[in-house]
Each structure stands twice: as structure tokens, then as C-alpha cells.
Protein backbone atom coordinates (compact mmCIF):
# COMPACT_ATOMS: atom_id res chain seq x y z
CA UNK A 1 6.49 40.56 20.03
CA UNK A 2 9.47 41.93 18.11
CA UNK A 3 12.60 42.90 19.96
CA UNK A 4 15.40 45.06 18.60
CA UNK A 5 18.92 44.70 19.96
CA UNK A 6 22.13 46.63 19.36
CA UNK A 7 24.43 44.77 16.93
CA UNK A 8 26.75 43.43 19.65
CA UNK A 9 23.84 41.98 21.63
CA UNK A 10 22.24 40.56 18.48
CA UNK A 11 25.45 38.70 17.63
CA UNK A 12 25.59 37.26 21.16
CA UNK A 13 21.98 36.05 20.88
CA UNK A 14 22.30 34.64 17.35
CA UNK A 15 21.72 30.93 16.83
CA UNK A 16 22.34 28.72 13.81
CA UNK A 17 19.36 27.88 11.64
CA UNK A 18 17.89 24.39 11.91
CA UNK A 19 18.62 21.94 9.10
CA UNK A 20 17.00 22.88 5.77
CA UNK A 21 14.61 19.92 5.87
CA UNK A 22 13.13 21.27 9.12
CA UNK A 23 12.49 24.67 7.50
CA UNK A 24 10.32 23.27 4.69
CA UNK A 25 6.55 23.54 5.17
CA UNK A 26 4.64 20.66 3.61
CA UNK A 27 0.96 19.91 3.13
CA UNK A 28 -0.21 23.47 2.39
CA UNK A 29 -3.15 23.40 -0.03
CA UNK A 30 -2.60 25.32 -3.27
CA UNK A 31 -5.35 27.84 -2.53
CA UNK A 32 -3.89 28.66 0.90
CA UNK A 33 -0.40 28.99 -0.60
CA UNK A 34 -1.72 31.37 -3.26
CA UNK A 35 -3.50 33.45 -0.59
CA UNK A 36 -0.28 33.60 1.42
CA UNK A 37 1.72 34.78 -1.59
CA UNK A 38 -0.93 37.40 -2.40
CA UNK A 39 -0.79 38.70 1.17
CA UNK A 40 2.99 39.01 0.94
CA UNK A 41 2.70 40.92 -2.32
CA UNK A 42 0.37 43.44 -0.69
CA UNK A 43 2.82 44.22 2.12
């Protein structure tokens, strides 16, 4: 579900991002990564 808020409300709800090392996705096989990138390119 995607929610859209007015700018003032969005700023109130904003949270800092987690540390960079928690944003990295590891252990994705090369073929799945390639399929993911292809799907993004189609969008």
C-alpha cells in the first residue's frame, strides 16, 4: 500500500535511514540480480 501525504505531514513522518551496512543486500545469485535489473529497465 502506498500512501501520499502533504509535504508538512511527510516531514513530520520522516525517519532517518538505517546505517548503510543494513541497506546492502547480500547473497543474491547473479541470474536473479540480472533479472531484477532487467525488470527495472522495463519499467
